[in-house]
Amino acid sequence: MKIAILGAGAMGSVLGSLLCKAGHDVTLIDVWKETVEAINRAGLKVANKAGDLSVHKIRATTSPAEVAGPVDLLLVFVKCYHTAAAVKSALPALGPHSTVLSLQNGWGNGPRIAEIVGSERVVLGVCYHSATVLGPGHVLHAGQGKTFIGEMDGSVTPRVRALAEAFSQAGIEIEASAQVLKEIWSKLALNVATLPTQSTIKLTAEKLPNTPEMQNLMRALLLEVVSVAQLQGIALDFTERWNAITGLLGRLAPNTKGSMLQDVENHRRTEIDVMCGAIVEAGQRLDVATPYNHAMLWLVRALEANYPK
């Protein structure tokens, strides 16, 4: 399969390395020249939580125009605020049978991509792997989990099954799901409860459940996610989500930093708008109060506004 990955950050690099190792023709696309140059010069370095390092010979470029299309799969892993520009830049690599798969964080990326490429090309999903950028072309694969993909209308089509088979053969645990919206909101619940909380007080992920105060805040954030999801017909269960979230945190490598904490430490814009912001928007639309998500939205935006100039 010919695959282009938009975004050679932590998760794009991890999945790119696995798909490349399985024999797929993979190209990583990223705007950061240092990352692209490091990968092309010395290979993509992926460390696991045991400390073992693997190096993968994989193409990387800053220009989607350098990808000889059409690709079979365009995998989107850029930050939400870069989605539209990145997908538009990759249009020349798409053919009539290309699939665009978003495994991005938050809620709203899929509809945004569909407006650009057409909903018939878009497959949605979520990925429960966790990873951290250690340096240009060097990432830590901190935790493994399941990936879910499905059509925007909830169906499981032959192309979704074919993608799932390709990912499975690459060692990626994956399920073609008829409830992909529920899976996306399940991951959104995880992100809302863990990413802004660790980012505002600079805690690594595995330390989040260590105090009753933080557990109380995480529970309050999660309860608001579950409430607005259920009102939209998305059957999230609070107890199931809480157990899944705390279980995942307990399996992470020491000193694992979520993507939002990495953004804050590097003075980058975060994805708070498609996380807590998405819950606030849903609450306003459904006339449901979401004070804890609103507070986290304000706190993270304040952090961003006070980055050093």
Foldseek 3Di string as FASTA:
>chain_A
DFEEEEDCFWVSVVLQQLLVVLPYQYEYEYQDPLQQVCCQPFAQWEAELVGDIDGHNHHYYPALVPRQAQGQEYEYEDFQVCLLVSLLRNVVNHDPNHAYEYQYAFPDSLVSSCVPPNLVRYKYKHADFAKHDPDRSHIYRWGHDEMEIERPQLDQDPVNVVVCVSSVSSVHHYDHGSQRVLRNLLRLLLCQLFQLLCQLVVDAQLCQVVDVVSVVLSLLQSVLSCVLCVVVVRHDDSVVSVVVNNVRSNRTRPRHHGPNNVCLVVLHDHNLCRRLVVSCVSCVVVVHDRVSSVVSSVSSVVSSVPDDD
